Every structure is written in structure tokens, then in C-alpha cells.
Amino acid sequence: MDAWALLFGLPCVGLLVLMVLLAKQQARAERERKDALHRFAAHEGWQVSAGSRPPWTSRLPGSNPNGVGLTMTGRVGQRWVTVADYFYETSDSEGSKKRHPLSVVLVHFVDRCHRSR
């Protein structure tokens, strides 16, 4: 019985350790990406926000109001521009979900939202 436990237990433990290491690597890469975006935004005078629920998500695929991650807004030339991380999910007939990440760029043609700046 001990040999069987060792034979099946060791690969399971190894797989678990590998999954933890990969999750840590992904988290570190995402943190570095966000830090780089914050540095860019600070250098360019842009504003950064996270977790907003803007109304324009209704016009995107999936119409997911909770799908907006990091959002940056600033000037490009004479226009205000917003760049955002966005995702939506779809399900197949078996209930399996697939996540669709997108980068969204909005150009503000009306300046009324930013007149106080």
C-alpha cells in the first residue's frame, strides 16, 4: 500500500507544486505589467483607475459591465483618449466557459467630461 501511495502521491504533489509556481509567475508578470502602465501614465500625465463600470461596455462584445480592468485616460494631441482592459465570457453547449480579453481604445469627441482640467 505504501508503494502505491508513493507511486500516485508523488506525481500529484509535483503537479500541485508546479501549479503554485505557475500561478506565482503569472501574478508577478501581471503586477509588473500594471506597474509599467502606472509609470507610463504618471510620465505622460494620464489618470489610471481600476474596477470602474463605464456605460460604454454595453457597446462591446459580451456587454459585460464588470469586464473592465485597468483604465487609463489622457490626452493624445487635442483629444481625450481612454484605453482599457476588457473581457467577456462565452459558454459552449457543455457549459464550458471561454474568456475573451480585449484592449479597448475610446476617443472622446466631446470635451464636456474633461472641461475642469
C-alpha atoms as a PDB file:
ATOM      1  CA  MET A   1       0.000   0.000   0.000  1.00  0.00           C
ATOM      2  CA  ASP A   2       2.857   2.421   0.770  1.00  0.00           C
ATOM      3  CA  ALA A   3       4.408   1.852  -2.654  1.00  0.00           C
ATOM      4  CA  TRP A   4       1.071   2.642  -4.338  1.00  0.00           C
ATOM      5  CA  ALA A   5       0.632   5.772  -2.245  1.00  0.00           C
ATOM      6  CA  LEU A   6       4.138   6.877  -3.167  1.00  0.00           C
ATOM      7  CA  LEU A   7       3.647   5.989  -6.827  1.00  0.00           C
ATOM      8  CA  PHE A   8       0.466   8.082  -7.141  1.00  0.00           C
ATOM      9  CA  GLY A   9       1.095  10.665  -4.419  1.00  0.00           C
ATOM     10  CA  LEU A  10       4.457  11.944  -5.659  1.00  0.00           C
ATOM     11  CA  PRO A  11       3.216  12.982  -9.132  1.00  0.00           C
ATOM     12  CA  CYS A  12       0.189  14.669  -7.544  1.00  0.00           C
ATOM     13  CA  VAL A  13       2.394  16.657  -5.179  1.00  0.00           C
ATOM     14  CA  GLY A  14       4.717  17.549  -8.063  1.00  0.00           C
ATOM     15  CA  LEU A  15       1.784  18.747 -10.150  1.00  0.00           C
ATOM     16  CA  LEU A  16       0.461  20.818  -7.263  1.00  0.00           C
ATOM     17  CA  VAL A  17       3.873  22.459  -6.718  1.00  0.00           C
ATOM     18  CA  LEU A  18       4.107  23.217 -10.446  1.00  0.00           C
ATOM     19  CA  MET A  19       0.648  24.817 -10.435  1.00  0.00           C
ATOM     20  CA  VAL A  20       1.556  27.023  -7.462  1.00  0.00           C
ATOM     21  CA  LEU A  21       4.799  28.129  -9.138  1.00  0.00           C
ATOM     22  CA  LEU A  22       2.986  28.962 -12.386  1.00  0.00           C
ATOM     23  CA  ALA A  23       0.321  30.935 -10.517  1.00  0.00           C
ATOM     24  CA  LYS A  24       3.026  32.941  -8.719  1.00  0.00           C
ATOM     25  CA  GLN A  25       4.785  33.634 -12.025  1.00  0.00           C
ATOM     26  CA  GLN A  26       1.541  34.835 -13.618  1.00  0.00           C
ATOM     27  CA  ALA A  27       0.770  37.092 -10.666  1.00  0.00           C
ATOM     28  CA  ARG A  28       4.271  38.592 -10.789  1.00  0.00           C
ATOM     29  CA  ALA A  29       4.025  39.210 -14.557  1.00  0.00           C
ATOM     30  CA  GLU A  30       0.639  40.921 -14.147  1.00  0.00           C
ATOM     31  CA  ARG A  31       1.977  43.078 -11.294  1.00  0.00           C
ATOM     32  CA  GLU A  32       4.969  44.110 -13.446  1.00  0.00           C
ATOM     33  CA  ARG A  33       2.645  44.932 -16.373  1.00  0.00           C
ATOM     34  CA  LYS A  34       0.445  47.117 -14.160  1.00  0.00           C
ATOM     35  CA  ASP A  35       3.483  48.834 -12.623  1.00  0.00           C
ATOM     36  CA  ALA A  36       4.801  49.644 -16.114  1.00  0.00           C
ATOM     37  CA  LEU A  37       1.415  51.069 -17.139  1.00  0.00           C
ATOM     38  CA  HIS A  38       1.291  53.201 -13.967  1.00  0.00           C
ATOM     39  CA  ARG A  39       4.792  54.532 -14.703  1.00  0.00           C
ATOM     40  CA  PHE A  40       3.784  55.351 -18.293  1.00  0.00           C
ATOM     41  CA  ALA A  41       0.612  57.097 -17.117  1.00  0.00           C
ATOM     42  CA  ALA A  42       2.485  59.136 -14.495  1.00  0.00           C
ATOM     43  CA  HIS A  43       5.130  60.152 -17.045  1.00  0.00           C
ATOM     44  CA  GLU A  44       2.512  61.204 -19.620  1.00  0.00           C
ATOM     45  CA  GLY A  45       0.156  62.871 -17.117  1.00  0.00           C
ATOM     46  CA  TRP A  46      -2.611  60.316 -17.631  1.00  0.00           C
ATOM     47  CA  GLN A  47      -5.027  59.116 -14.969  1.00  0.00           C
ATOM     48  CA  VAL A  48      -5.309  55.433 -14.047  1.00  0.00           C
ATOM     49  CA  SER A  49      -8.272  53.720 -12.447  1.00  0.00           C
ATOM     50  CA  ALA A  50      -9.272  50.125 -11.823  1.00  0.00           C
ATOM     51  CA  GLY A  51     -12.571  48.346 -11.448  1.00  0.00           C
ATOM     52  CA  SER A  52     -14.780  51.011 -13.000  1.00  0.00           C
ATOM     53  CA  ARG A  53     -18.145  50.214 -14.608  1.00  0.00           C
ATOM     54  CA  PRO A  54     -18.349  52.617 -17.556  1.00  0.00           C
ATOM     55  CA  PRO A  55     -21.537  52.769 -19.640  1.00  0.00           C
ATOM     56  CA  TRP A  56     -19.729  52.112 -22.930  1.00  0.00           C
ATOM     57  CA  THR A  57     -19.328  48.413 -22.119  1.00  0.00           C
ATOM     58  CA  SER A  58     -22.873  47.909 -23.448  1.00  0.00           C
ATOM     59  CA  ARG A  59     -21.476  48.599 -26.932  1.00  0.00           C
ATOM     60  CA  LEU A  60     -18.719  45.980 -26.697  1.00  0.00           C
ATOM     61  CA  PRO A  61     -18.872  42.248 -27.406  1.00  0.00           C
ATOM     62  CA  GLY A  62     -20.419  40.480 -24.432  1.00  0.00           C
ATOM     63  CA  SER A  63     -21.737  43.762 -22.935  1.00  0.00           C
ATOM     64  CA  ASN A  64     -20.002  42.910 -19.653  1.00  0.00           C
ATOM     65  CA  PRO A  65     -20.225  45.882 -17.228  1.00  0.00           C
ATOM     66  CA  ASN A  66     -17.866  44.056 -14.843  1.00  0.00           C
ATOM     67  CA  GLY A  67     -15.351  43.303 -17.590  1.00  0.00           C
ATOM     68  CA  VAL A  68     -13.279  46.472 -17.312  1.00  0.00           C
ATOM     69  CA  GLY A  69      -9.942  46.119 -15.554  1.00  0.00           C
ATOM     70  CA  LEU A  70      -7.317  48.839 -15.677  1.00  0.00           C
ATOM     71  CA  THR A  71      -8.356  52.084 -17.390  1.00  0.00           C
ATOM     72  CA  MET A  72      -6.060  54.944 -18.430  1.00  0.00           C
ATOM     73  CA  THR A  73      -7.279  58.327 -19.663  1.00  0.00           C
ATOM     74  CA  GLY A  74      -5.193  61.151 -21.072  1.00  0.00           C
ATOM     75  CA  ARG A  75      -4.641  63.486 -23.986  1.00  0.00           C
ATOM     76  CA  VAL A  76      -3.334  62.477 -27.393  1.00  0.00           C
ATOM     77  CA  GLY A  77      -2.979  65.629 -29.422  1.00  0.00           C
ATOM     78  CA  GLN A  78      -6.185  67.595 -28.963  1.00  0.00           C
ATOM     79  CA  ARG A  79      -8.357  64.609 -27.985  1.00  0.00           C
ATOM     80  CA  TRP A  80      -9.009  62.808 -24.744  1.00  0.00           C
ATOM     81  CA  VAL A  81      -8.414  59.078 -25.080  1.00  0.00           C
ATOM     82  CA  THR A  82      -9.303  56.191 -22.784  1.00  0.00           C
ATOM     83  CA  VAL A  83      -7.518  52.848 -23.027  1.00  0.00           C
ATOM     84  CA  ALA A  84      -8.918  49.909 -21.073  1.00  0.00           C
ATOM     85  CA  ASP A  85      -8.513  46.198 -20.428  1.00  0.00           C
ATOM     86  CA  TYR A  86     -11.837  44.461 -21.062  1.00  0.00           C
ATOM     87  CA  PHE A  87     -13.063  40.873 -21.121  1.00  0.00           C
ATOM     88  CA  TYR A  88     -16.223  38.916 -21.689  1.00  0.00           C
ATOM     89  CA  GLU A  89     -17.032  35.230 -21.424  1.00  0.00           C
ATOM     90  CA  THR A  90     -18.897  32.813 -23.656  1.00  0.00           C
ATOM     91  CA  SER A  91     -20.191  29.330 -22.895  1.00  0.00           C
ATOM     92  CA  ASP A  92     -20.493  26.355 -25.193  1.00  0.00           C
ATOM     93  CA  SER A  93     -23.282  23.784 -25.151  1.00  0.00           C
ATOM     94  CA  GLU A  94     -21.491  21.733 -22.472  1.00  0.00           C
ATOM     95  CA  GLY A  95     -21.234  24.744 -20.144  1.00  0.00           C
ATOM     96  CA  SER A  96     -17.508  25.232 -20.675  1.00  0.00           C
ATOM     97  CA  LYS A  97     -16.603  28.923 -20.408  1.00  0.00           C
ATOM     98  CA  LYS A  98     -14.083  30.772 -22.552  1.00  0.00           C
ATOM     99  CA  ARG A  99     -12.682  34.160 -21.587  1.00  0.00           C
ATOM    100  CA  HIS A 100     -12.117  36.728 -24.360  1.00  0.00           C
ATOM    101  CA  PRO A 101      -9.705  39.526 -23.367  1.00  0.00           C
ATOM    102  CA  LEU A 102      -9.687  42.749 -25.393  1.00  0.00           C
ATOM    103  CA  SER A 103      -7.861  46.062 -25.347  1.00  0.00           C
ATOM    104  CA  VAL A 104     -10.300  48.918 -25.901  1.00  0.00           C
ATOM    105  CA  VAL A 105      -9.429  52.412 -27.140  1.00  0.00           C
ATOM    106  CA  LEU A 106     -12.018  55.194 -26.923  1.00  0.00           C
ATOM    107  CA  VAL A 107     -11.571  58.619 -28.444  1.00  0.00           C
ATOM    108  CA  HIS A 108     -13.648  61.314 -26.740  1.00  0.00           C
ATOM    109  CA  PHE A 109     -15.059  63.622 -29.399  1.00  0.00           C
ATOM    110  CA  VAL A 110     -16.994  65.719 -26.876  1.00  0.00           C
ATOM    111  CA  ASP A 111     -14.823  67.502 -24.321  1.00  0.00           C
ATOM    112  CA  ARG A 112     -17.554  68.242 -21.757  1.00  0.00           C
ATOM    113  CA  CYS A 113     -16.400  65.454 -19.399  1.00  0.00           C
ATOM    114  CA  HIS A 114     -12.946  66.972 -19.055  1.00  0.00           C
ATOM    115  CA  ARG A 115     -13.528  70.740 -19.006  1.00  0.00           C
ATOM    116  CA  SER A 116     -12.342  71.111 -15.412  1.00  0.00           C
ATOM    117  CA  ARG A 117      -8.808  70.088 -16.342  1.00  0.00           C
END
